[in-house]
Amino acid sequence: MSSIQYRSEIDGLRALAVIPVILFHINNEILPGGYIGVDIFFVISGFLITSIILNEYKRGIFSFSNFWMRRIMRILPVLITVVFMTLITGRIILYGPDINNLGNQGIAALLSFANISHWLLAGDYWGFTAESSPLLHTWSLSVEEQFYLFFPLFMIITLKYLHRWIGVVFIIFTLLSISLFLVGTQMSPAATFYLLPTRAWELGAGAILSIIFFKKNLQFTSNNILAIVGFLLIILSYFFIGDKGGISPFLVIPVFGAVLIIAFTKDSNSIINKILSMRPVTYIGKISYSLYLWHWPILVLSRQYGLKHNLEINYMYISIFIFILSVLSYHFIETYTRKNRRAIPYILFFLVVNLIFSYTLKISKGTTTAYSKTEWHGQLYNVQRTEWPEFIRKRMKGIDTPEDTSIDTDIYTKGGIIKLYGKNTPDIVLFGDSHAIMWSRVIDESAKELNASISFYGADGIPTFFNIPVTKKKQGSAFLNAEEMYVFEQAKLNYLKKWKPKIIIISSYWSGQNQKLISELMLYIREIGSKVLLIEDPPVLYFGDKNTPKYLSSIGLAPAMNFKQYVKQGKSAQYKIGLNLIENLSKKYDFIETIHVSDIFLHDEKVLVIDSYDVLYIDDDHLSYKGSLKAKNRIITELKKHL
């Protein structure tokens, strides 16, 4: 067995990592950088695992099988329990596509590739798909498990053949990883967030520190000032490093802070040692693994239950429940199985049971009420025409997205980026993001009825507004890289200036738009001499980014002839900001008018979502084809006025 000296302050550091993570997940405004606690965990893991391997290698007792067996006994029992309870509860609370997604998550978490799975299926850690995934947090556990799989091999080979140079080897290894990380924060933030190669430097920082301790001539002496600096760096990072991407070059600051604490708090006379070694603090650290595993699925499933049953969530009660469950989990599962080899057959048995259960949820089919076919034609008019990511394809399952060969098009293509539909000198141009392509079919039909030519410049996932003159960005979007974005935005301006269309229709997700960028585009259009029509957004539904027909079916909303059904509005304050924004633009510029649609759908703060057998939305903020048809008469009326 391993035999390294117990350091109570490291358990205290675990507490300093896990509490901010939980507070951040309860409300990210409490601690904008609370997610950084995971980075602290990586440093601790790198330090402790390296220390164990070095200690056992020095004593001549290191064994790969023993090392990996201890990891299984340490990690899997609680993980299996949490996954199993999450699968059962999720099966009851969640709706069809979310249940299938939960099955995928269960398999990925149990087989240690949750980070890769979430990167491919959910993408952005801050996206709705990620935030509604009950096992999202197991991505960090998978990073560590992948590290535990490969690191001992690398370590032993280095000790055997490059013993004198082990410090240099690990410094090079860590510098390579941090270089990948720094490049990745700009080029591919999602992959950088989730994957081991761009996270290994944090584990490597702890490993280098362990190697320094191992070489007796390089031992650190106690230094209160440096320990205090490390503590403050971590605390301040929680408040001031709040990048929404969750991956920032500034993460080197809290990682360095964690290194300072581990290096300079070994002496019990250290002030930070005394703070972190207090009994309540070290106890939180001891149960931190259980706290981390239980807190996220409980929060996600509680929120989903509240949405489904229109209940307010009391986070004080939820926090108490998380704590009690974690205490029980620590004392009755962790401490019992950690050093009990007789538990291994049971661990493996329940691992297989969980995998089978996860697979049944992955392939299960939910019931769907007999609505009329819900259609989405937006992808036909999406100028980039890129293939949807997997998580969008799954969410759109069951919604009809036809391939329509009847669209009359002349297509201009540059580098595979720009595809424009209509004549070379269109009367009308539709401009915007996914909310623009939401209206495209109806606007196309309206233009044809009025004998007007039209071109479509709507693009899913691409910002509607940008700097004028166009500037090169440091990073692109989920669909276009930085260079493609530059070409795309420049082409928009060039073609508007070349065509000088009579009408430019702009539709966008209006809430939170940058007013400076909007003003720059409006001034550019004024010079062209075009009339601008701004289309209001439809009100947002309360349940988030879900497949609307399937979700409505799951909560029992059935269609009925000549009967309108409403659901609660979501994000009403943000929605009003968007409405006020375009109303103010209409007042500010005499060439801008607004096409109002909010009153079609919104009644007494409830949203019209089913009309007879037609579902009017495909998700929480995009109308189906039948939904967009409800504004067709208003669109035609406005077009007639200005053609």
Foldseek 3Di string as FASTA:
>chain_A
DFDDDDALLVLLLLLVLQVLLLVCLVPCQVFLLSPLSLLLVLLSLLQVVLLRLLRCVVVVNDDLVVLVLLVCLQPQFLLLVLLVVLLVLCVVQPFQLLLLVSLVCLLCLLVLNLLVVCCQAVNFCLDPVNLLHLNNLSLSVSLSVVCSVPVSVVVVVCCVPVVVCVLVVLVVQLVQLCVCLQLCVLAPLRCLVRHNSNSVNSSSLSSSLNVLVSPVVNAAEADQVLLVLLVVQQVVSRHPVNPSSSRDNSSVRNSVSSSSNVRHLRDCVHPSSVVSNPPVSSVCSLLSSQLSSNSRSLVSSQVSNCVLVVHDDDVVVSVVVSVVRSVCCRPVRNVVRSPDSVCVVVSVVSSVVSSVSSVCSSPDGGDFFDFPAFEAALLQQAFLNDDDRNNVCSQLPRHHHDDDPPQQADFDDDPSGGTKGWDLQWQEEEAEESQSSLLVVLLSVLCVVVVTIYIYHYHYFQGRFADVVHDFGSFHTPRDTRVSNSVSVNVVLVSCLVNLHQEYEYEYLQQPDDVVRVVVVVVSNVVSPHAYEYEQFAFFAANFFGFVSRVCVVSPDHAAAQDWDWHATHPVVSSVVRVVVLVVVVVVDVRYDYQYDHVVADDPRIGTQDGRSYGQARTGGRGTPVVSNSSSVSSSVVVVVRD
